[in-house]
Amino acid sequence: MGGFVAALSGPLGNWWNVPRAELFIGGLAFVVAGVVLLFGLNRIRPTSAGLVLGFGVSNLLLAPTMWALALRGWLPLSAAGNWALAGAGDVALVLGIWQLTALRRSRRTEQRGGSGFRG
């Protein structure tokens, strides 16, 4: 997603009323961080259940916050920017549910004799 935003920073910046350079830098930061996390966290086994729980809960708390900000228009965003913020809230909700479900499944596996969270 970050690469998509970086590649289309010009049109998206005009549509969302955000400076192109900031959107480009933000998109590239997500690309770099995503690659680092993908390869870095893949090396760490098993992933801490507390870490997964923390991310899941924070995503579930972040989703309604983003929806409220978008619905009330409390940030200086265009209408399209508010829609994008609401969409990010949807993504946070789905990720939070997925993370907590995966954690629950891993705990069942541990009780049966497996080891660690394998997300």
N, C-alpha and C. Protein backbone atom coordinates (compact mmCIF):
# COMPACT_ATOMS: atom_id res chain seq x y z
N MET A 1 0.83 -1.19 0.00
CA MET A 1 0.00 0.00 0.00
C MET A 1 0.87 1.25 0.00
N GLY A 2 1.96 1.22 0.75
CA GLY A 2 2.85 2.38 0.79
C GLY A 2 3.44 2.69 -0.56
N GLY A 3 3.81 1.65 -1.32
CA GLY A 3 4.35 1.84 -2.67
C GLY A 3 3.31 2.45 -3.59
N PHE A 4 2.07 2.03 -3.44
CA PHE A 4 0.97 2.57 -4.23
C PHE A 4 0.80 4.07 -3.94
N VAL A 5 0.82 4.42 -2.66
CA VAL A 5 0.67 5.83 -2.28
C VAL A 5 1.85 6.65 -2.79
N ALA A 6 3.07 6.09 -2.67
CA ALA A 6 4.26 6.82 -3.13
C ALA A 6 4.22 7.02 -4.64
N ALA A 7 3.81 5.98 -5.37
CA ALA A 7 3.78 6.07 -6.84
C ALA A 7 2.73 7.07 -7.32
N LEU A 8 1.64 7.14 -6.63
CA LEU A 8 0.55 8.03 -7.05
C LEU A 8 0.46 9.27 -6.16
N SER A 9 1.57 9.70 -5.58
CA SER A 9 1.55 10.80 -4.63
C SER A 9 1.05 12.11 -5.26
N GLY A 10 1.31 12.31 -6.53
CA GLY A 10 0.84 13.53 -7.19
C GLY A 10 -0.68 13.60 -7.25
N PRO A 11 -1.34 12.63 -7.94
CA PRO A 11 -2.80 12.67 -8.01
C PRO A 11 -3.49 12.52 -6.65
N LEU A 12 -2.94 11.64 -5.80
CA LEU A 12 -3.57 11.47 -4.48
C LEU A 12 -3.40 12.72 -3.63
N GLY A 13 -2.24 13.37 -3.74
CA GLY A 13 -2.02 14.61 -2.99
C GLY A 13 -3.01 15.68 -3.37
N ASN A 14 -3.29 15.81 -4.66
CA ASN A 14 -4.28 16.79 -5.11
C ASN A 14 -5.68 16.40 -4.63
N TRP A 15 -6.00 15.12 -4.71
CA TRP A 15 -7.34 14.64 -4.34
C TRP A 15 -7.57 14.76 -2.84
N TRP A 16 -6.54 14.40 -2.03
CA TRP A 16 -6.68 14.42 -0.58
C TRP A 16 -6.29 15.75 0.03
N ASN A 17 -5.83 16.69 -0.78
CA ASN A 17 -5.41 18.01 -0.31
C ASN A 17 -4.24 17.90 0.67
N VAL A 18 -3.26 17.07 0.29
CA VAL A 18 -2.06 16.83 1.09
C VAL A 18 -0.86 17.14 0.20
N PRO A 19 0.19 17.78 0.74
CA PRO A 19 1.38 18.05 -0.08
C PRO A 19 1.98 16.75 -0.64
N ARG A 20 2.36 16.81 -1.91
CA ARG A 20 2.87 15.63 -2.62
C ARG A 20 4.12 15.06 -1.96
N ALA A 21 5.05 15.92 -1.54
CA ALA A 21 6.31 15.45 -0.96
C ALA A 21 6.06 14.67 0.33
N GLU A 22 5.18 15.15 1.18
CA GLU A 22 4.88 14.46 2.43
C GLU A 22 4.22 13.11 2.18
N LEU A 23 3.34 13.06 1.21
CA LEU A 23 2.68 11.81 0.87
C LEU A 23 3.69 10.81 0.30
N PHE A 24 4.61 11.29 -0.53
CA PHE A 24 5.64 10.43 -1.11
C PHE A 24 6.56 9.87 -0.02
N ILE A 25 7.00 10.72 0.88
CA ILE A 25 7.88 10.28 1.97
C ILE A 25 7.15 9.29 2.88
N GLY A 26 5.91 9.56 3.20
CA GLY A 26 5.13 8.64 4.03
C GLY A 26 4.94 7.29 3.37
N GLY A 27 4.65 7.30 2.06
CA GLY A 27 4.48 6.04 1.33
C GLY A 27 5.76 5.24 1.30
N LEU A 28 6.89 5.91 1.05
CA LEU A 28 8.18 5.20 1.04
C LEU A 28 8.53 4.67 2.42
N ALA A 29 8.20 5.41 3.46
CA ALA A 29 8.47 4.94 4.82
C ALA A 29 7.71 3.65 5.10
N PHE A 30 6.47 3.56 4.63
CA PHE A 30 5.70 2.33 4.82
C PHE A 30 6.31 1.17 4.03
N VAL A 31 6.81 1.44 2.84
CA VAL A 31 7.44 0.39 2.03
C VAL A 31 8.68 -0.14 2.75
N VAL A 32 9.54 0.75 3.19
CA VAL A 32 10.78 0.35 3.86
C VAL A 32 10.47 -0.37 5.17
N ALA A 33 9.58 0.20 5.99
CA ALA A 33 9.24 -0.43 7.26
C ALA A 33 8.59 -1.79 7.04
N GLY A 34 7.75 -1.92 6.02
CA GLY A 34 7.12 -3.19 5.73
C GLY A 34 8.11 -4.27 5.36
N VAL A 35 9.09 -3.91 4.53
CA VAL A 35 10.11 -4.88 4.13
C VAL A 35 10.96 -5.29 5.33
N VAL A 36 11.37 -4.31 6.14
CA VAL A 36 12.17 -4.60 7.33
C VAL A 36 11.39 -5.50 8.28
N LEU A 37 10.13 -5.19 8.53
CA LEU A 37 9.33 -6.02 9.41
C LEU A 37 9.10 -7.41 8.85
N LEU A 38 8.87 -7.50 7.54
CA LEU A 38 8.64 -8.79 6.91
C LEU A 38 9.82 -9.73 7.12
N PHE A 39 11.01 -9.23 6.82
CA PHE A 39 12.20 -10.07 6.96
C PHE A 39 12.68 -10.17 8.41
N GLY A 40 12.56 -9.08 9.15
CA GLY A 40 13.02 -9.09 10.54
C GLY A 40 12.18 -9.97 11.44
N LEU A 41 10.86 -9.81 11.36
CA LEU A 41 9.99 -10.60 12.22
C LEU A 41 9.91 -12.06 11.79
N ASN A 42 10.19 -12.33 10.53
CA ASN A 42 10.21 -13.72 10.08
C ASN A 42 11.33 -14.51 10.75
N ARG A 43 12.38 -13.83 11.15
CA ARG A 43 13.52 -14.50 11.79
C ARG A 43 13.26 -14.78 13.26
N ILE A 44 12.34 -14.06 13.86
CA ILE A 44 12.06 -14.21 15.28
C ILE A 44 10.95 -15.25 15.45
N ARG A 45 11.28 -16.35 16.04
CA ARG A 45 10.30 -17.41 16.29
C ARG A 45 10.41 -17.87 17.71
N PRO A 46 9.40 -18.13 18.43
CA PRO A 46 8.02 -17.75 18.19
C PRO A 46 7.77 -16.29 18.56
N THR A 47 6.80 -15.68 17.95
CA THR A 47 6.44 -14.30 18.25
C THR A 47 5.73 -14.27 19.59
N SER A 48 6.02 -13.28 20.38
CA SER A 48 5.44 -13.14 21.71
C SER A 48 3.93 -12.97 21.62
N ALA A 49 3.22 -13.73 22.43
CA ALA A 49 1.76 -13.61 22.47
C ALA A 49 1.35 -12.23 22.99
N GLY A 50 2.14 -11.67 23.90
CA GLY A 50 1.85 -10.33 24.41
C GLY A 50 1.94 -9.27 23.33
N LEU A 51 2.91 -9.43 22.42
CA LEU A 51 3.06 -8.48 21.31
C LEU A 51 1.84 -8.55 20.38
N VAL A 52 1.42 -9.76 20.06
CA VAL A 52 0.26 -9.94 19.18
C VAL A 52 -0.99 -9.38 19.86
N LEU A 53 -1.14 -9.65 21.15
CA LEU A 53 -2.29 -9.14 21.90
C LEU A 53 -2.29 -7.60 21.91
N GLY A 54 -1.11 -7.02 22.12
CA GLY A 54 -1.00 -5.55 22.13
C GLY A 54 -1.38 -4.93 20.79
N PHE A 55 -0.89 -5.52 19.70
CA PHE A 55 -1.25 -5.01 18.37
C PHE A 55 -2.73 -5.20 18.09
N GLY A 56 -3.28 -6.35 18.45
CA GLY A 56 -4.70 -6.60 18.20
C GLY A 56 -5.60 -5.63 18.93
N VAL A 57 -5.31 -5.42 20.22
CA VAL A 57 -6.13 -4.50 21.02
C VAL A 57 -5.97 -3.07 20.52
N SER A 58 -4.73 -2.67 20.21
CA SER A 58 -4.54 -1.29 19.74
C SER A 58 -5.23 -1.05 18.41
N ASN A 59 -5.25 -2.05 17.53
CA ASN A 59 -5.98 -1.90 16.26
C ASN A 59 -7.48 -1.77 16.51
N LEU A 60 -8.01 -2.55 17.46
CA LEU A 60 -9.44 -2.46 17.76
C LEU A 60 -9.80 -1.12 18.40
N LEU A 61 -8.89 -0.52 19.13
CA LEU A 61 -9.13 0.80 19.71
C LEU A 61 -8.92 1.92 18.69
N LEU A 62 -8.01 1.70 17.77
CA LEU A 62 -7.69 2.72 16.77
C LEU A 62 -8.81 2.85 15.72
N ALA A 63 -9.47 1.76 15.39
CA ALA A 63 -10.50 1.78 14.34
C ALA A 63 -11.62 2.79 14.65
N PRO A 64 -12.29 2.72 15.81
CA PRO A 64 -13.36 3.70 16.05
C PRO A 64 -12.85 5.14 16.18
N THR A 65 -11.59 5.27 16.62
CA THR A 65 -11.01 6.62 16.70
C THR A 65 -10.89 7.22 15.30
N MET A 66 -10.40 6.43 14.35
CA MET A 66 -10.28 6.93 12.97
C MET A 66 -11.65 7.21 12.36
N TRP A 67 -12.63 6.35 12.67
CA TRP A 67 -13.97 6.59 12.14
C TRP A 67 -14.54 7.90 12.68
N ALA A 68 -14.36 8.15 13.98
CA ALA A 68 -14.88 9.37 14.58
C ALA A 68 -14.20 10.60 13.99
N LEU A 69 -12.88 10.54 13.81
CA LEU A 69 -12.16 11.66 13.21
C LEU A 69 -12.64 11.94 11.80
N ALA A 70 -12.88 10.87 11.03
CA ALA A 70 -13.35 11.04 9.66
C ALA A 70 -14.78 11.56 9.62
N LEU A 71 -15.64 11.00 10.47
CA LEU A 71 -17.05 11.39 10.47
C LEU A 71 -17.25 12.83 10.91
N ARG A 72 -16.52 13.25 11.93
CA ARG A 72 -16.66 14.61 12.46
C ARG A 72 -15.87 15.64 11.67
N GLY A 73 -14.90 15.19 10.86
CA GLY A 73 -14.09 16.13 10.09
C GLY A 73 -13.16 16.95 10.96
N TRP A 74 -12.65 16.36 12.03
CA TRP A 74 -11.80 17.09 12.98
C TRP A 74 -10.39 17.32 12.47
N LEU A 75 -9.98 16.62 11.43
CA LEU A 75 -8.66 16.84 10.84
C LEU A 75 -8.82 17.67 9.57
N PRO A 76 -7.83 18.47 9.22
CA PRO A 76 -7.94 19.31 8.02
C PRO A 76 -7.73 18.49 6.74
N LEU A 77 -8.69 17.60 6.44
CA LEU A 77 -8.62 16.75 5.25
C LEU A 77 -9.77 17.09 4.31
N SER A 78 -9.57 16.77 3.05
CA SER A 78 -10.65 16.91 2.09
C SER A 78 -11.66 15.78 2.33
N ALA A 79 -12.76 15.79 1.60
CA ALA A 79 -13.75 14.73 1.73
C ALA A 79 -13.13 13.38 1.38
N ALA A 80 -12.30 13.35 0.33
CA ALA A 80 -11.63 12.10 -0.05
C ALA A 80 -10.66 11.65 1.04
N GLY A 81 -9.99 12.59 1.69
CA GLY A 81 -9.08 12.25 2.78
C GLY A 81 -9.82 11.65 3.96
N ASN A 82 -11.02 12.18 4.25
CA ASN A 82 -11.83 11.60 5.32
C ASN A 82 -12.30 10.19 4.96
N TRP A 83 -12.63 9.97 3.68
CA TRP A 83 -13.00 8.61 3.25
C TRP A 83 -11.82 7.67 3.39
N ALA A 84 -10.63 8.14 3.05
CA ALA A 84 -9.43 7.31 3.19
C ALA A 84 -9.17 6.98 4.66
N LEU A 85 -9.40 7.95 5.54
CA LEU A 85 -9.22 7.73 6.97
C LEU A 85 -10.23 6.71 7.49
N ALA A 86 -11.46 6.82 7.03
CA ALA A 86 -12.48 5.84 7.43
C ALA A 86 -12.11 4.45 6.91
N GLY A 87 -11.57 4.38 5.70
CA GLY A 87 -11.12 3.09 5.15
C GLY A 87 -9.97 2.51 5.95
N ALA A 88 -9.08 3.36 6.44
CA ALA A 88 -7.98 2.89 7.29
C ALA A 88 -8.54 2.34 8.60
N GLY A 89 -9.63 2.92 9.09
CA GLY A 89 -10.30 2.38 10.27
C GLY A 89 -10.85 1.00 10.01
N ASP A 90 -11.40 0.79 8.82
CA ASP A 90 -11.89 -0.54 8.45
C ASP A 90 -10.76 -1.55 8.45
N VAL A 91 -9.63 -1.16 7.88
CA VAL A 91 -8.45 -2.05 7.83
C VAL A 91 -7.97 -2.36 9.24
N ALA A 92 -7.93 -1.36 10.13
CA ALA A 92 -7.49 -1.59 11.51
C ALA A 92 -8.42 -2.57 12.21
N LEU A 93 -9.73 -2.47 11.97
CA LEU A 93 -10.68 -3.39 12.57
C LEU A 93 -10.43 -4.82 12.10
N VAL A 94 -10.26 -5.00 10.80
CA VAL A 94 -10.02 -6.34 10.25
C VAL A 94 -8.71 -6.92 10.79
N LEU A 95 -7.66 -6.10 10.83
CA LEU A 95 -6.38 -6.58 11.35
C LEU A 95 -6.48 -6.95 12.82
N GLY A 96 -7.17 -6.14 13.61
CA GLY A 96 -7.33 -6.45 15.03
C GLY A 96 -8.06 -7.75 15.26
N ILE A 97 -9.13 -7.97 14.52
CA ILE A 97 -9.88 -9.22 14.64
C ILE A 97 -9.01 -10.40 14.22
N TRP A 98 -8.29 -10.25 13.12
CA TRP A 98 -7.42 -11.32 12.65
C TRP A 98 -6.33 -11.64 13.67
N GLN A 99 -5.70 -10.61 14.24
CA GLN A 99 -4.63 -10.83 15.21
C GLN A 99 -5.14 -11.54 16.46
N LEU A 100 -6.27 -11.12 16.97
CA LEU A 100 -6.79 -11.75 18.18
C LEU A 100 -7.29 -13.17 17.90
N THR A 101 -7.84 -13.40 16.73
CA THR A 101 -8.26 -14.76 16.35
C THR A 101 -7.05 -15.67 16.21
N ALA A 102 -5.99 -15.18 15.57
CA ALA A 102 -4.77 -15.99 15.42
C ALA A 102 -4.15 -16.29 16.78
N LEU A 103 -4.20 -15.34 17.69
CA LEU A 103 -3.66 -15.56 19.03
C LEU A 103 -4.46 -16.63 19.76
N ARG A 104 -5.76 -16.56 19.63
CA ARG A 104 -6.64 -17.55 20.28
C ARG A 104 -6.35 -18.95 19.75
N ARG A 105 -6.18 -19.05 18.43
CA ARG A 105 -5.87 -20.36 17.83
C ARG A 105 -4.52 -20.88 18.30
N SER A 106 -3.53 -19.98 18.43
CA SER A 106 -2.20 -20.43 18.84
C SER A 106 -2.22 -20.92 20.29
N ARG A 107 -3.04 -20.31 21.11
CA ARG A 107 -3.14 -20.76 22.51
C ARG A 107 -3.77 -22.14 22.58
N ARG A 108 -4.73 -22.42 21.71
CA ARG A 108 -5.30 -23.77 21.66
C ARG A 108 -4.25 -24.78 21.23
N THR A 109 -3.43 -24.40 20.26
CA THR A 109 -2.37 -25.28 19.77
C THR A 109 -1.36 -25.56 20.88
N GLU A 110 -1.01 -24.53 21.66
CA GLU A 110 -0.07 -24.71 22.77
C GLU A 110 -0.61 -25.68 23.80
N GLN A 111 -1.92 -25.63 24.05
CA GLN A 111 -2.53 -26.53 25.02
C GLN A 111 -2.48 -27.97 24.54
N ARG A 112 -2.44 -28.17 23.23
CA ARG A 112 -2.39 -29.52 22.65
C ARG A 112 -0.96 -30.01 22.47
N GLY A 113 0.02 -29.18 22.83
CA GLY A 113 1.39 -29.63 22.73
C GLY A 113 2.23 -28.94 21.68
N GLY A 114 1.68 -27.94 20.97
CA GLY A 114 2.46 -27.18 19.99
C GLY A 114 3.33 -26.16 20.72
N SER A 115 4.05 -25.37 19.97
CA SER A 115 4.90 -24.38 20.62
C SER A 115 4.81 -23.03 19.91
N GLY A 116 4.52 -22.01 20.68
CA GLY A 116 4.62 -20.63 20.19
C GLY A 116 3.56 -20.19 19.23
N PHE A 117 3.55 -18.89 18.98
CA PHE A 117 2.63 -18.26 18.03
C PHE A 117 3.24 -18.30 16.65
N ARG A 118 2.53 -18.80 15.68
CA ARG A 118 3.02 -18.92 14.33
C ARG A 118 2.23 -18.07 13.34
N GLY A 119 1.38 -17.13 13.83
CA GLY A 119 0.61 -16.16 13.06
C GLY A 119 0.32 -16.52 11.71
